Amino acid sequence: MDLKQHVRQIPDFPKPGINFFDISPLIRHPHAWRTTIDRMADMIGPWKPDVLAAVDARGFLVAAPLAIALDCGVIMIRKSGKLPGKVKAHTYGLEYGTDTIEIQDDAVTQGERVVIVDDLLATGGTIKAAAKLLRESGAHVAGASCVIELSFLKARDALGVPFAALLQYDSE
């Protein structure tokens, strides 16, 4: 099955000059979505994760069924102020400004094998920040994976963790 047929590109969203890769049609189609999860489980399985770290918000959609397929748990990496209880935070630079991500203080245990999951890899800033936050919390970051990689941005090389993507796009 050609899963790219189920990814819609929306030009100039959320602002002019950005080409948005929308996975809504992919998750809407049951056979394509099942194929996506099965193929990602095959990619990530060799890393033997104890838990998947789902990046807010579309990473949640990918990580939840993937965790069932891999028989592991899920933790949430959220934007600041979205998690209850005590949290650990990491602020990182963006092209214009900063952003902060958080995990719950007890989300991971020392040495736990974690794979970061999101829908798309563009510049890699969020995955790098998530890996740093997880390591500072004692986790072993075994890798990161996304449904889509914008390979023309060459972010994979700067992540500092093994990376796997199901679909690559070589140009905008």
N, C-alpha and C. Protein backbone atom coordinates (compact mmCIF):
# COMPACT_ATOMS: atom_id res chain seq x y z
N MET A 1 0.84 -1.18 0.00
CA MET A 1 0.00 0.00 0.00
C MET A 1 0.89 1.24 0.00
N ASP A 2 0.57 2.18 -0.88
CA ASP A 2 1.30 3.44 -0.95
C ASP A 2 0.67 4.43 0.04
N LEU A 3 1.28 4.54 1.21
CA LEU A 3 0.72 5.38 2.27
C LEU A 3 0.76 6.87 1.93
N LYS A 4 1.65 7.27 1.03
CA LYS A 4 1.72 8.68 0.65
C LYS A 4 0.42 9.15 -0.01
N GLN A 5 -0.34 8.22 -0.55
CA GLN A 5 -1.64 8.59 -1.14
C GLN A 5 -2.62 9.08 -0.09
N HIS A 6 -2.31 8.81 1.18
CA HIS A 6 -3.19 9.19 2.28
C HIS A 6 -2.65 10.36 3.09
N VAL A 7 -1.62 11.02 2.58
CA VAL A 7 -1.07 12.22 3.22
C VAL A 7 -1.39 13.40 2.32
N ARG A 8 -2.06 14.37 2.88
CA ARG A 8 -2.47 15.55 2.11
C ARG A 8 -1.49 16.69 2.38
N GLN A 9 -1.06 17.36 1.33
CA GLN A 9 -0.20 18.52 1.48
C GLN A 9 -1.04 19.78 1.30
N ILE A 10 -0.90 20.69 2.28
CA ILE A 10 -1.68 21.92 2.27
C ILE A 10 -0.72 23.10 2.22
N PRO A 11 -0.64 23.75 1.05
CA PRO A 11 0.29 24.87 0.93
C PRO A 11 -0.14 26.09 1.77
N ASP A 12 0.87 26.82 2.23
CA ASP A 12 0.67 28.08 2.95
C ASP A 12 -0.13 27.91 4.25
N PHE A 13 0.08 26.77 4.93
CA PHE A 13 -0.53 26.55 6.24
C PHE A 13 0.56 26.10 7.19
N PRO A 14 0.65 26.65 8.37
CA PRO A 14 -0.23 27.63 9.00
C PRO A 14 0.09 29.08 8.63
N LYS A 15 1.13 29.26 7.80
CA LYS A 15 1.43 30.61 7.33
C LYS A 15 2.02 30.52 5.93
N PRO A 16 2.05 31.62 5.20
CA PRO A 16 2.58 31.60 3.84
C PRO A 16 4.00 31.03 3.78
N GLY A 17 4.24 30.20 2.78
CA GLY A 17 5.55 29.60 2.58
C GLY A 17 5.75 28.25 3.23
N ILE A 18 4.81 27.85 4.09
CA ILE A 18 4.89 26.54 4.75
C ILE A 18 3.99 25.56 4.00
N ASN A 19 4.53 24.38 3.72
CA ASN A 19 3.75 23.30 3.11
C ASN A 19 3.45 22.29 4.21
N PHE A 20 2.20 22.22 4.64
CA PHE A 20 1.79 21.38 5.76
C PHE A 20 1.48 19.97 5.28
N PHE A 21 2.07 18.96 5.94
CA PHE A 21 1.81 17.56 5.61
C PHE A 21 0.78 17.04 6.60
N ASP A 22 -0.44 16.84 6.12
CA ASP A 22 -1.59 16.51 6.95
C ASP A 22 -1.83 15.00 6.96
N ILE A 23 -1.75 14.39 8.16
CA ILE A 23 -2.00 12.95 8.28
C ILE A 23 -3.47 12.63 8.55
N SER A 24 -4.35 13.62 8.54
CA SER A 24 -5.77 13.37 8.80
C SER A 24 -6.37 12.31 7.88
N PRO A 25 -6.11 12.36 6.57
CA PRO A 25 -6.65 11.30 5.70
C PRO A 25 -6.06 9.92 6.02
N LEU A 26 -4.83 9.88 6.47
CA LEU A 26 -4.18 8.62 6.81
C LEU A 26 -4.85 7.97 8.02
N ILE A 27 -5.08 8.75 9.07
CA ILE A 27 -5.70 8.17 10.27
C ILE A 27 -7.20 7.92 10.07
N ARG A 28 -7.77 8.54 9.07
CA ARG A 28 -9.20 8.35 8.74
C ARG A 28 -9.44 7.03 8.02
N HIS A 29 -8.44 6.54 7.30
CA HIS A 29 -8.57 5.32 6.49
C HIS A 29 -8.10 4.12 7.31
N PRO A 30 -9.02 3.23 7.72
CA PRO A 30 -8.63 2.17 8.66
C PRO A 30 -7.52 1.24 8.16
N HIS A 31 -7.55 0.87 6.90
CA HIS A 31 -6.52 -0.05 6.40
C HIS A 31 -5.16 0.66 6.30
N ALA A 32 -5.17 1.90 5.85
CA ALA A 32 -3.92 2.67 5.76
C ALA A 32 -3.34 2.92 7.15
N TRP A 33 -4.21 3.22 8.12
CA TRP A 33 -3.75 3.49 9.48
C TRP A 33 -3.18 2.22 10.11
N ARG A 34 -3.86 1.09 9.93
CA ARG A 34 -3.36 -0.19 10.45
C ARG A 34 -2.01 -0.52 9.81
N THR A 35 -1.88 -0.30 8.51
CA THR A 35 -0.62 -0.55 7.81
C THR A 35 0.49 0.35 8.37
N THR A 36 0.16 1.60 8.62
CA THR A 36 1.12 2.55 9.20
C THR A 36 1.64 2.04 10.54
N ILE A 37 0.74 1.67 11.42
CA ILE A 37 1.12 1.21 12.76
C ILE A 37 1.92 -0.09 12.67
N ASP A 38 1.49 -1.02 11.83
CA ASP A 38 2.22 -2.28 11.69
C ASP A 38 3.64 -2.06 11.18
N ARG A 39 3.78 -1.20 10.18
CA ARG A 39 5.12 -0.94 9.62
C ARG A 39 6.01 -0.20 10.62
N MET A 40 5.43 0.74 11.36
CA MET A 40 6.22 1.45 12.37
C MET A 40 6.64 0.51 13.50
N ALA A 41 5.76 -0.41 13.89
CA ALA A 41 6.10 -1.38 14.93
C ALA A 41 7.28 -2.24 14.47
N ASP A 42 7.28 -2.62 13.20
CA ASP A 42 8.41 -3.39 12.66
C ASP A 42 9.71 -2.59 12.70
N MET A 43 9.63 -1.27 12.45
CA MET A 43 10.82 -0.40 12.47
C MET A 43 11.35 -0.21 13.88
N ILE A 44 10.45 0.02 14.82
CA ILE A 44 10.83 0.39 16.19
C ILE A 44 11.10 -0.83 17.07
N GLY A 45 10.45 -1.92 16.79
CA GLY A 45 10.55 -3.13 17.61
C GLY A 45 11.97 -3.52 17.97
N PRO A 46 12.93 -3.51 17.02
CA PRO A 46 14.31 -3.89 17.37
C PRO A 46 14.96 -3.01 18.44
N TRP A 47 14.45 -1.82 18.67
CA TRP A 47 14.99 -0.95 19.72
C TRP A 47 14.52 -1.37 21.11
N LYS A 48 13.54 -2.27 21.18
CA LYS A 48 13.02 -2.83 22.44
C LYS A 48 12.64 -1.77 23.47
N PRO A 49 11.73 -0.86 23.10
CA PRO A 49 11.35 0.18 24.07
C PRO A 49 10.54 -0.37 25.24
N ASP A 50 10.79 0.20 26.40
CA ASP A 50 9.94 -0.04 27.56
C ASP A 50 8.72 0.88 27.49
N VAL A 51 8.93 2.04 26.90
CA VAL A 51 7.89 3.05 26.82
C VAL A 51 8.13 3.92 25.60
N LEU A 52 7.03 4.44 25.04
CA LEU A 52 7.12 5.41 23.96
C LEU A 52 6.83 6.79 24.53
N ALA A 53 7.62 7.77 24.12
CA ALA A 53 7.41 9.15 24.55
C ALA A 53 6.71 9.87 23.40
N ALA A 54 5.43 10.15 23.58
CA ALA A 54 4.60 10.76 22.55
C ALA A 54 4.70 12.28 22.63
N VAL A 55 5.03 12.90 21.50
CA VAL A 55 5.17 14.36 21.44
C VAL A 55 3.82 14.99 21.14
N ASP A 56 3.46 15.99 21.94
CA ASP A 56 2.23 16.75 21.80
C ASP A 56 2.13 17.37 20.41
N ALA A 57 1.07 17.22 19.69
CA ALA A 57 -0.16 16.49 19.98
C ALA A 57 -0.35 15.32 19.01
N ARG A 58 0.07 15.47 17.76
CA ARG A 58 -0.17 14.37 16.82
C ARG A 58 0.66 13.14 17.15
N GLY A 59 1.75 13.30 17.88
CA GLY A 59 2.51 12.14 18.34
C GLY A 59 1.69 11.23 19.23
N PHE A 60 0.69 11.81 19.94
CA PHE A 60 -0.20 11.01 20.77
C PHE A 60 -0.97 10.01 19.91
N LEU A 61 -1.43 10.49 18.75
CA LEU A 61 -2.22 9.65 17.85
C LEU A 61 -1.42 8.45 17.34
N VAL A 62 -0.13 8.67 17.12
CA VAL A 62 0.73 7.62 16.60
C VAL A 62 1.16 6.68 17.73
N ALA A 63 1.56 7.23 18.84
CA ALA A 63 2.13 6.42 19.93
C ALA A 63 1.14 5.48 20.58
N ALA A 64 -0.10 5.89 20.74
CA ALA A 64 -1.06 5.05 21.47
C ALA A 64 -1.27 3.69 20.79
N PRO A 65 -1.64 3.62 19.52
CA PRO A 65 -1.80 2.29 18.91
C PRO A 65 -0.46 1.58 18.73
N LEU A 66 0.59 2.33 18.54
CA LEU A 66 1.92 1.74 18.38
C LEU A 66 2.36 1.04 19.67
N ALA A 67 2.07 1.63 20.81
CA ALA A 67 2.41 1.03 22.10
C ALA A 67 1.67 -0.29 22.30
N ILE A 68 0.43 -0.36 21.86
CA ILE A 68 -0.31 -1.61 21.96
C ILE A 68 0.37 -2.68 21.10
N ALA A 69 0.75 -2.31 19.88
CA ALA A 69 1.41 -3.26 18.97
C ALA A 69 2.75 -3.73 19.54
N LEU A 70 3.45 -2.86 20.28
CA LEU A 70 4.76 -3.18 20.82
C LEU A 70 4.71 -3.69 22.26
N ASP A 71 3.53 -3.72 22.83
CA ASP A 71 3.34 -4.16 24.21
C ASP A 71 4.20 -3.34 25.19
N CYS A 72 4.08 -2.02 25.05
CA CYS A 72 4.80 -1.14 25.97
C CYS A 72 3.87 0.01 26.37
N GLY A 73 4.36 0.87 27.24
CA GLY A 73 3.57 2.00 27.71
C GLY A 73 3.83 3.26 26.91
N VAL A 74 3.10 4.31 27.27
CA VAL A 74 3.23 5.62 26.63
C VAL A 74 3.35 6.69 27.71
N ILE A 75 4.26 7.63 27.51
CA ILE A 75 4.29 8.84 28.33
C ILE A 75 4.07 10.02 27.40
N MET A 76 3.61 11.12 27.95
CA MET A 76 3.33 12.30 27.15
C MET A 76 4.39 13.37 27.35
N ILE A 77 4.86 13.90 26.25
CA ILE A 77 5.71 15.10 26.26
C ILE A 77 4.81 16.22 25.79
N ARG A 78 4.54 17.15 26.70
CA ARG A 78 3.54 18.18 26.41
C ARG A 78 4.14 19.57 26.42
N LYS A 79 3.39 20.47 25.82
CA LYS A 79 3.73 21.88 25.91
C LYS A 79 3.52 22.33 27.34
N SER A 80 4.19 23.39 27.72
CA SER A 80 4.19 23.89 29.09
C SER A 80 2.77 24.13 29.61
N GLY A 81 2.54 23.70 30.87
CA GLY A 81 1.29 23.99 31.55
C GLY A 81 0.16 23.02 31.27
N LYS A 82 0.42 21.92 30.57
CA LYS A 82 -0.64 20.99 30.18
C LYS A 82 -0.70 19.71 31.02
N LEU A 83 0.34 19.45 31.83
CA LEU A 83 0.39 18.22 32.62
C LEU A 83 0.12 18.51 34.09
N PRO A 84 -0.66 17.65 34.75
CA PRO A 84 -0.91 17.84 36.19
C PRO A 84 0.27 17.34 37.02
N GLY A 85 0.34 17.80 38.25
CA GLY A 85 1.35 17.33 39.18
C GLY A 85 2.71 17.95 38.92
N LYS A 86 3.72 17.36 39.57
CA LYS A 86 5.08 17.86 39.44
C LYS A 86 5.63 17.46 38.06
N VAL A 87 6.29 18.41 37.41
CA VAL A 87 6.82 18.17 36.06
C VAL A 87 8.29 18.56 35.98
N LYS A 88 8.94 18.03 34.95
CA LYS A 88 10.28 18.45 34.57
C LYS A 88 10.14 19.15 33.23
N ALA A 89 10.84 20.26 33.08
CA ALA A 89 10.69 21.07 31.87
C ALA A 89 12.03 21.27 31.18
N HIS A 90 11.95 21.54 29.89
CA HIS A 90 13.13 21.89 29.10
C HIS A 90 12.72 22.98 28.11
N THR A 91 13.43 24.09 28.13
CA THR A 91 13.18 25.17 27.19
C THR A 91 14.26 25.12 26.12
N TYR A 92 13.82 25.27 24.88
CA TYR A 92 14.75 25.18 23.75
C TYR A 92 14.46 26.26 22.73
N GLY A 93 15.47 26.56 21.93
CA GLY A 93 15.36 27.63 20.95
C GLY A 93 14.64 27.21 19.69
N LEU A 94 13.87 28.14 19.18
CA LEU A 94 13.22 28.00 17.88
C LEU A 94 13.83 29.04 16.95
N GLU A 95 13.41 29.01 15.70
CA GLU A 95 13.94 29.98 14.75
C GLU A 95 13.69 31.42 15.23
N TYR A 96 12.50 31.65 15.79
CA TYR A 96 12.17 32.98 16.32
C TYR A 96 11.59 32.82 17.71
N GLY A 97 12.44 32.69 18.72
CA GLY A 97 11.97 32.59 20.10
C GLY A 97 12.32 31.27 20.73
N THR A 98 11.51 30.88 21.74
CA THR A 98 11.74 29.64 22.48
C THR A 98 10.43 28.91 22.69
N ASP A 99 10.54 27.65 23.09
CA ASP A 99 9.39 26.86 23.46
C ASP A 99 9.80 26.00 24.65
N THR A 100 8.84 25.53 25.41
CA THR A 100 9.11 24.68 26.56
C THR A 100 8.26 23.43 26.47
N ILE A 101 8.90 22.28 26.72
CA ILE A 101 8.18 21.02 26.81
C ILE A 101 8.36 20.46 28.20
N GLU A 102 7.41 19.60 28.61
CA GLU A 102 7.44 19.04 29.96
C GLU A 102 7.05 17.57 29.94
N ILE A 103 7.54 16.84 30.95
CA ILE A 103 7.06 15.50 31.26
C ILE A 103 6.74 15.47 32.75
N GLN A 104 5.90 14.55 33.16
CA GLN A 104 5.63 14.40 34.58
C GLN A 104 6.89 13.89 35.26
N ASP A 105 7.09 14.34 36.47
CA ASP A 105 8.31 14.06 37.23
C ASP A 105 8.61 12.56 37.33
N ASP A 106 7.59 11.74 37.42
CA ASP A 106 7.77 10.30 37.57
C ASP A 106 7.50 9.53 36.28
N ALA A 107 7.58 10.20 35.14
CA ALA A 107 7.23 9.57 33.86
C ALA A 107 8.16 8.43 33.47
N VAL A 108 9.44 8.57 33.74
CA VAL A 108 10.41 7.52 33.39
C VAL A 108 11.24 7.16 34.61
N THR A 109 11.79 5.96 34.57
CA THR A 109 12.68 5.51 35.63
C THR A 109 14.10 5.41 35.08
N GLN A 110 15.05 5.39 35.99
CA GLN A 110 16.47 5.33 35.62
C GLN A 110 16.73 4.14 34.69
N GLY A 111 17.32 4.43 33.54
CA GLY A 111 17.72 3.40 32.59
C GLY A 111 16.62 2.85 31.71
N GLU A 112 15.40 3.33 31.88
CA GLU A 112 14.29 2.84 31.07
C GLU A 112 14.53 3.19 29.59
N ARG A 113 14.25 2.21 28.71
CA ARG A 113 14.45 2.40 27.26
C ARG A 113 13.24 3.12 26.68
N VAL A 114 13.49 4.29 26.10
CA VAL A 114 12.42 5.13 25.58
C VAL A 114 12.66 5.40 24.10
N VAL A 115 11.58 5.34 23.31
CA VAL A 115 11.60 5.76 21.91
C VAL A 115 10.65 6.93 21.78
N ILE A 116 11.14 8.03 21.23
CA ILE A 116 10.33 9.23 21.01
C ILE A 116 9.53 9.05 19.72
N VAL A 117 8.24 9.39 19.77
CA VAL A 117 7.36 9.21 18.62
C VAL A 117 6.63 10.52 18.33
N ASP A 118 6.65 10.89 17.04
CA ASP A 118 5.89 12.06 16.59
C ASP A 118 5.37 11.77 15.19
N ASP A 119 4.57 12.69 14.67
CA ASP A 119 4.02 12.46 13.33
C ASP A 119 5.00 12.85 12.24
N LEU A 120 5.83 13.90 12.49
CA LEU A 120 6.65 14.45 11.42
C LEU A 120 7.97 15.01 11.95
N LEU A 121 9.04 14.74 11.21
CA LEU A 121 10.34 15.34 11.51
C LEU A 121 10.61 16.42 10.48
N ALA A 122 10.73 17.65 10.94
CA ALA A 122 11.09 18.77 10.06
C ALA A 122 12.49 19.22 10.45
N THR A 123 12.59 20.19 11.35
CA THR A 123 13.91 20.70 11.76
C THR A 123 14.55 19.88 12.87
N GLY A 124 13.76 19.10 13.59
CA GLY A 124 14.29 18.24 14.64
C GLY A 124 14.38 18.88 16.02
N GLY A 125 14.02 20.14 16.14
CA GLY A 125 14.16 20.84 17.42
C GLY A 125 13.39 20.20 18.56
N THR A 126 12.18 19.78 18.31
CA THR A 126 11.37 19.20 19.38
C THR A 126 11.90 17.83 19.79
N ILE A 127 12.29 17.01 18.83
CA ILE A 127 12.82 15.68 19.17
C ILE A 127 14.13 15.82 19.94
N LYS A 128 15.00 16.74 19.52
CA LYS A 128 16.25 16.95 20.26
C LYS A 128 15.97 17.40 21.68
N ALA A 129 15.02 18.31 21.85
CA ALA A 129 14.66 18.79 23.18
C ALA A 129 14.06 17.67 24.01
N ALA A 130 13.22 16.84 23.41
CA ALA A 130 12.61 15.73 24.12
C ALA A 130 13.69 14.73 24.57
N ALA A 131 14.63 14.45 23.70
CA ALA A 131 15.71 13.51 24.05
C ALA A 131 16.52 14.05 25.23
N LYS A 132 16.81 15.34 25.20
CA LYS A 132 17.57 15.95 26.31
C LYS A 132 16.79 15.86 27.62
N LEU A 133 15.51 16.18 27.58
CA LEU A 133 14.67 16.13 28.77
C LEU A 133 14.58 14.69 29.31
N LEU A 134 14.42 13.73 28.43
CA LEU A 134 14.33 12.33 28.85
C LEU A 134 15.64 11.85 29.46
N ARG A 135 16.77 12.21 28.84
CA ARG A 135 18.08 11.81 29.39
C ARG A 135 18.30 12.43 30.76
N GLU A 136 17.94 13.72 30.90
CA GLU A 136 18.09 14.40 32.19
C GLU A 136 17.22 13.74 33.25
N SER A 137 16.18 13.03 32.83
CA SER A 137 15.27 12.34 33.75
C SER A 137 15.71 10.91 34.02
N GLY A 138 16.85 10.50 33.41
CA GLY A 138 17.39 9.18 33.67
C GLY A 138 17.09 8.12 32.64
N ALA A 139 16.33 8.45 31.61
CA ALA A 139 15.98 7.47 30.59
C ALA A 139 17.13 7.22 29.63
N HIS A 140 17.10 6.06 29.01
CA HIS A 140 17.99 5.75 27.89
C HIS A 140 17.16 5.96 26.63
N VAL A 141 17.50 6.95 25.82
CA VAL A 141 16.75 7.22 24.60
C VAL A 141 17.29 6.29 23.51
N ALA A 142 16.51 5.25 23.22
CA ALA A 142 16.93 4.22 22.27
C ALA A 142 16.77 4.67 20.82
N GLY A 143 15.91 5.67 20.58
CA GLY A 143 15.70 6.16 19.23
C GLY A 143 14.52 7.09 19.16
N ALA A 144 14.24 7.53 17.94
CA ALA A 144 13.07 8.37 17.66
C ALA A 144 12.50 7.94 16.33
N SER A 145 11.19 8.09 16.19
CA SER A 145 10.54 7.68 14.95
C SER A 145 9.36 8.59 14.65
N CYS A 146 9.16 8.81 13.35
CA CYS A 146 8.03 9.62 12.88
C CYS A 146 7.38 8.91 11.69
N VAL A 147 6.14 9.24 11.45
CA VAL A 147 5.48 8.75 10.25
C VAL A 147 6.15 9.37 9.04
N ILE A 148 6.39 10.69 9.09
CA ILE A 148 6.91 11.44 7.94
C ILE A 148 8.22 12.12 8.31
N GLU A 149 9.16 12.07 7.38
CA GLU A 149 10.41 12.82 7.51
C GLU A 149 10.54 13.74 6.30
N LEU A 150 10.74 15.02 6.55
CA LEU A 150 11.05 15.96 5.47
C LEU A 150 12.56 15.89 5.28
N SER A 151 13.01 14.90 4.51
CA SER A 151 14.43 14.58 4.42
C SER A 151 15.26 15.70 3.79
N PHE A 152 14.63 16.57 3.00
CA PHE A 152 15.36 17.68 2.39
C PHE A 152 15.85 18.68 3.44
N LEU A 153 15.30 18.63 4.65
CA LEU A 153 15.76 19.52 5.72
C LEU A 153 16.95 18.95 6.49
N LYS A 154 17.25 17.67 6.27
CA LYS A 154 18.44 17.00 6.82
C LYS A 154 18.55 17.09 8.34
N ALA A 155 17.41 17.01 9.04
CA ALA A 155 17.41 17.10 10.51
C ALA A 155 17.86 15.80 11.17
N ARG A 156 17.68 14.68 10.52
CA ARG A 156 18.00 13.38 11.10
C ARG A 156 19.43 13.34 11.62
N ASP A 157 20.36 13.93 10.88
CA ASP A 157 21.78 13.87 11.24
C ASP A 157 22.11 14.61 12.53
N ALA A 158 21.28 15.55 12.93
CA ALA A 158 21.56 16.36 14.12
C ALA A 158 20.80 15.90 15.36
N LEU A 159 20.01 14.82 15.25
CA LEU A 159 19.18 14.39 16.38
C LEU A 159 19.98 13.80 17.53
N GLY A 160 21.07 13.12 17.23
CA GLY A 160 21.87 12.51 18.28
C GLY A 160 21.31 11.20 18.79
N VAL A 161 20.29 10.65 18.12
CA VAL A 161 19.72 9.34 18.45
C VAL A 161 19.41 8.61 17.14
N PRO A 162 19.36 7.28 17.18
CA PRO A 162 18.92 6.57 15.97
C PRO A 162 17.53 7.06 15.57
N PHE A 163 17.29 7.11 14.27
CA PHE A 163 16.02 7.65 13.78
C PHE A 163 15.48 6.79 12.65
N ALA A 164 14.16 6.60 12.65
CA ALA A 164 13.50 5.88 11.56
C ALA A 164 12.20 6.59 11.21
N ALA A 165 11.95 6.73 9.91
CA ALA A 165 10.69 7.31 9.44
C ALA A 165 10.07 6.37 8.42
N LEU A 166 8.76 6.35 8.42
CA LEU A 166 8.03 5.49 7.49
C LEU A 166 8.02 6.08 6.08
N LEU A 167 7.79 7.38 5.99
CA LEU A 167 7.68 8.06 4.69
C LEU A 167 8.67 9.21 4.64
N GLN A 168 9.38 9.33 3.53
CA GLN A 168 10.30 10.45 3.34
C GLN A 168 9.82 11.30 2.16
N TYR A 169 9.95 12.60 2.35
CA TYR A 169 9.69 13.56 1.28
C TYR A 169 10.98 14.30 1.01
N ASP A 170 11.43 14.25 -0.23
CA ASP A 170 12.75 14.80 -0.61
C ASP A 170 12.70 16.25 -1.04
N SER A 171 11.50 16.83 -1.18
CA SER A 171 11.38 18.25 -1.55
C SER A 171 10.05 18.77 -1.02
N GLU A 172 9.97 20.10 -0.98
CA GLU A 172 8.75 20.73 -0.48
C GLU A 172 7.63 20.45 -1.44
